[in-house]
Amino acid sequence: METYAIKIHTEFIKLQDLLKFAGAVETGGDAKLIIQEGRVTVNGEVCAMRGRKLRPGDRACIDHDTELLVQ
């Protein structure tokens, strides 16, 4: 599993924005699709909310292959 640390300078980042910012998807539509398909987990639980707020310390995982750590 590949892990990438994503540093934010705000209180939170929305899940769909994190996926775009990290380069995991190209568009918000792509993010919406993989989130709705249940391919994204946040802190170990499947997340279907693309607007979920992630704060430093949260982890998002795509297809159990790529992990994004919010810092």
N, C-alpha and C. Protein backbone atom coordinates (compact mmCIF):
# COMPACT_ATOMS: atom_id res chain seq x y z
N MET A 1 0.85 -1.18 0.00
CA MET A 1 0.00 0.00 0.00
C MET A 1 0.89 1.24 0.00
N GLU A 2 0.56 2.16 -0.87
CA GLU A 2 1.29 3.42 -0.94
C GLU A 2 0.62 4.44 -0.01
N THR A 3 1.41 5.17 0.77
CA THR A 3 0.88 6.18 1.67
C THR A 3 1.45 7.54 1.30
N TYR A 4 0.57 8.51 1.19
CA TYR A 4 0.96 9.88 0.85
C TYR A 4 0.47 10.81 1.96
N ALA A 5 1.34 11.67 2.43
CA ALA A 5 0.97 12.67 3.42
C ALA A 5 0.53 13.93 2.69
N ILE A 6 -0.66 14.41 2.99
CA ILE A 6 -1.21 15.60 2.37
C ILE A 6 -1.33 16.67 3.45
N LYS A 7 -0.54 17.71 3.32
CA LYS A 7 -0.55 18.78 4.32
C LYS A 7 -1.57 19.85 3.92
N ILE A 8 -2.45 20.18 4.86
CA ILE A 8 -3.44 21.23 4.61
C ILE A 8 -3.15 22.40 5.54
N HIS A 9 -3.58 23.57 5.12
CA HIS A 9 -3.35 24.78 5.90
C HIS A 9 -4.67 25.39 6.38
N THR A 10 -5.70 24.57 6.37
CA THR A 10 -7.02 24.99 6.83
C THR A 10 -7.47 24.03 7.91
N GLU A 11 -8.62 24.31 8.52
CA GLU A 11 -9.13 23.46 9.59
C GLU A 11 -9.51 22.07 9.07
N PHE A 12 -10.04 22.01 7.86
CA PHE A 12 -10.46 20.73 7.28
C PHE A 12 -10.39 20.81 5.77
N ILE A 13 -10.55 19.63 5.13
CA ILE A 13 -10.67 19.54 3.68
C ILE A 13 -11.76 18.51 3.40
N LYS A 14 -12.58 18.79 2.41
CA LYS A 14 -13.64 17.84 2.05
C LYS A 14 -13.02 16.65 1.33
N LEU A 15 -13.63 15.49 1.51
CA LEU A 15 -13.11 14.26 0.93
C LEU A 15 -12.89 14.37 -0.57
N GLN A 16 -13.88 14.87 -1.31
CA GLN A 16 -13.74 14.96 -2.77
C GLN A 16 -12.59 15.90 -3.14
N ASP A 17 -12.40 16.97 -2.37
CA ASP A 17 -11.32 17.90 -2.64
C ASP A 17 -9.96 17.29 -2.33
N LEU A 18 -9.91 16.47 -1.29
CA LEU A 18 -8.67 15.76 -0.95
C LEU A 18 -8.25 14.84 -2.09
N LEU A 19 -9.21 14.11 -2.63
CA LEU A 19 -8.90 13.18 -3.72
C LEU A 19 -8.39 13.93 -4.95
N LYS A 20 -8.99 15.07 -5.25
CA LYS A 20 -8.53 15.87 -6.38
C LYS A 20 -7.16 16.48 -6.11
N PHE A 21 -6.98 17.06 -4.92
CA PHE A 21 -5.72 17.71 -4.56
C PHE A 21 -4.56 16.73 -4.57
N ALA A 22 -4.81 15.50 -4.14
CA ALA A 22 -3.76 14.48 -4.09
C ALA A 22 -3.47 13.88 -5.46
N GLY A 23 -4.31 14.17 -6.45
CA GLY A 23 -4.11 13.64 -7.79
C GLY A 23 -4.64 12.22 -7.96
N ALA A 24 -5.45 11.77 -7.00
CA ALA A 24 -6.03 10.42 -7.08
C ALA A 24 -7.13 10.35 -8.15
N VAL A 25 -7.78 11.49 -8.40
CA VAL A 25 -8.80 11.59 -9.45
C VAL A 25 -8.57 12.90 -10.19
N GLU A 26 -9.12 12.99 -11.39
CA GLU A 26 -8.92 14.20 -12.19
C GLU A 26 -10.01 15.24 -11.98
N THR A 27 -11.24 14.76 -11.76
CA THR A 27 -12.36 15.70 -11.63
C THR A 27 -13.21 15.36 -10.41
N GLY A 28 -14.06 16.31 -10.05
CA GLY A 28 -15.00 16.07 -8.96
C GLY A 28 -15.98 14.96 -9.31
N GLY A 29 -16.30 14.83 -10.59
CA GLY A 29 -17.19 13.75 -11.03
C GLY A 29 -16.57 12.38 -10.81
N ASP A 30 -15.26 12.28 -11.07
CA ASP A 30 -14.55 11.02 -10.81
C ASP A 30 -14.56 10.70 -9.32
N ALA A 31 -14.35 11.74 -8.50
CA ALA A 31 -14.35 11.55 -7.05
C ALA A 31 -15.72 11.07 -6.59
N LYS A 32 -16.76 11.71 -7.09
CA LYS A 32 -18.14 11.34 -6.73
C LYS A 32 -18.40 9.87 -7.06
N LEU A 33 -17.95 9.46 -8.23
CA LEU A 33 -18.19 8.09 -8.69
C LEU A 33 -17.51 7.05 -7.79
N ILE A 34 -16.23 7.23 -7.50
CA ILE A 34 -15.55 6.20 -6.70
C ILE A 34 -16.03 6.21 -5.26
N ILE A 35 -16.46 7.37 -4.76
CA ILE A 35 -17.00 7.43 -3.40
C ILE A 35 -18.34 6.71 -3.36
N GLN A 36 -19.22 6.95 -4.33
CA GLN A 36 -20.52 6.30 -4.37
C GLN A 36 -20.40 4.79 -4.58
N GLU A 37 -19.36 4.34 -5.25
CA GLU A 37 -19.15 2.91 -5.47
C GLU A 37 -18.63 2.21 -4.22
N GLY A 38 -18.33 2.95 -3.16
CA GLY A 38 -17.85 2.37 -1.92
C GLY A 38 -16.37 2.00 -1.96
N ARG A 39 -15.61 2.63 -2.84
CA ARG A 39 -14.19 2.31 -3.00
C ARG A 39 -13.29 3.12 -2.09
N VAL A 40 -13.89 4.05 -1.32
CA VAL A 40 -13.10 4.92 -0.45
C VAL A 40 -13.47 4.67 1.01
N THR A 41 -12.46 4.52 1.85
CA THR A 41 -12.69 4.41 3.29
C THR A 41 -12.03 5.60 3.98
N VAL A 42 -12.63 6.01 5.07
CA VAL A 42 -12.07 7.08 5.90
C VAL A 42 -11.92 6.51 7.30
N ASN A 43 -10.70 6.51 7.79
CA ASN A 43 -10.39 5.96 9.11
C ASN A 43 -10.90 4.53 9.26
N GLY A 44 -10.80 3.75 8.18
CA GLY A 44 -11.15 2.33 8.21
C GLY A 44 -12.60 1.99 7.92
N GLU A 45 -13.46 2.98 7.71
CA GLU A 45 -14.87 2.73 7.44
C GLU A 45 -15.24 3.27 6.06
N VAL A 46 -16.05 2.52 5.33
CA VAL A 46 -16.50 2.96 4.01
C VAL A 46 -17.26 4.27 4.17
N CYS A 47 -16.94 5.24 3.35
CA CYS A 47 -17.56 6.56 3.42
C CYS A 47 -18.27 6.85 2.10
N ALA A 48 -19.54 7.22 2.19
CA ALA A 48 -20.32 7.53 0.99
C ALA A 48 -20.61 9.03 0.90
N MET A 49 -20.01 9.83 1.77
CA MET A 49 -20.26 11.27 1.78
C MET A 49 -19.06 11.99 1.16
N ARG A 50 -19.24 12.52 -0.04
CA ARG A 50 -18.11 13.18 -0.69
C ARG A 50 -17.78 14.51 -0.04
N GLY A 51 -18.69 15.06 0.74
CA GLY A 51 -18.45 16.32 1.43
C GLY A 51 -17.94 16.13 2.85
N ARG A 52 -17.62 14.90 3.22
CA ARG A 52 -17.13 14.64 4.58
C ARG A 52 -15.88 15.48 4.86
N LYS A 53 -15.87 16.08 6.04
CA LYS A 53 -14.74 16.93 6.42
C LYS A 53 -13.64 16.09 7.05
N LEU A 54 -12.45 16.18 6.49
CA LEU A 54 -11.31 15.47 7.03
C LEU A 54 -10.39 16.49 7.68
N ARG A 55 -9.91 16.13 8.86
CA ARG A 55 -9.02 17.01 9.62
C ARG A 55 -7.67 16.33 9.78
N PRO A 56 -6.65 17.09 10.17
CA PRO A 56 -5.34 16.47 10.39
C PRO A 56 -5.43 15.24 11.28
N GLY A 57 -4.78 14.16 10.84
CA GLY A 57 -4.82 12.89 11.55
C GLY A 57 -5.76 11.87 10.90
N ASP A 58 -6.69 12.34 10.05
CA ASP A 58 -7.61 11.43 9.35
C ASP A 58 -6.88 10.75 8.20
N ARG A 59 -7.36 9.55 7.87
CA ARG A 59 -6.78 8.77 6.77
C ARG A 59 -7.89 8.36 5.80
N ALA A 60 -7.63 8.56 4.52
CA ALA A 60 -8.55 8.10 3.47
C ALA A 60 -7.80 7.06 2.66
N CYS A 61 -8.48 5.99 2.31
CA CYS A 61 -7.86 4.91 1.56
C CYS A 61 -8.73 4.62 0.32
N ILE A 62 -8.08 4.47 -0.81
CA ILE A 62 -8.77 4.20 -2.07
C ILE A 62 -8.45 2.78 -2.51
N ASP A 63 -9.47 1.97 -2.68
CA ASP A 63 -9.33 0.59 -3.16
C ASP A 63 -8.32 -0.22 -2.34
N HIS A 64 -8.18 0.06 -1.06
CA HIS A 64 -7.23 -0.65 -0.18
C HIS A 64 -5.81 -0.66 -0.77
N ASP A 65 -5.52 0.34 -1.59
CA ASP A 65 -4.25 0.38 -2.30
C ASP A 65 -3.47 1.67 -2.02
N THR A 66 -4.17 2.78 -2.02
CA THR A 66 -3.53 4.10 -1.84
C THR A 66 -4.11 4.76 -0.60
N GLU A 67 -3.24 5.16 0.31
CA GLU A 67 -3.67 5.80 1.54
C GLU A 67 -3.22 7.26 1.55
N LEU A 68 -4.16 8.13 1.92
CA LEU A 68 -3.88 9.56 2.00
C LEU A 68 -4.00 9.98 3.46
N LEU A 69 -2.92 10.45 4.04
CA LEU A 69 -2.89 10.88 5.43
C LEU A 69 -2.95 12.40 5.46
N VAL A 70 -3.96 12.93 6.11
CA VAL A 70 -4.14 14.39 6.20
C VAL A 70 -3.28 14.89 7.37
N GLN A 71 -2.45 15.88 7.07
CA GLN A 71 -1.60 16.46 8.11
C GLN A 71 -1.89 17.92 8.28
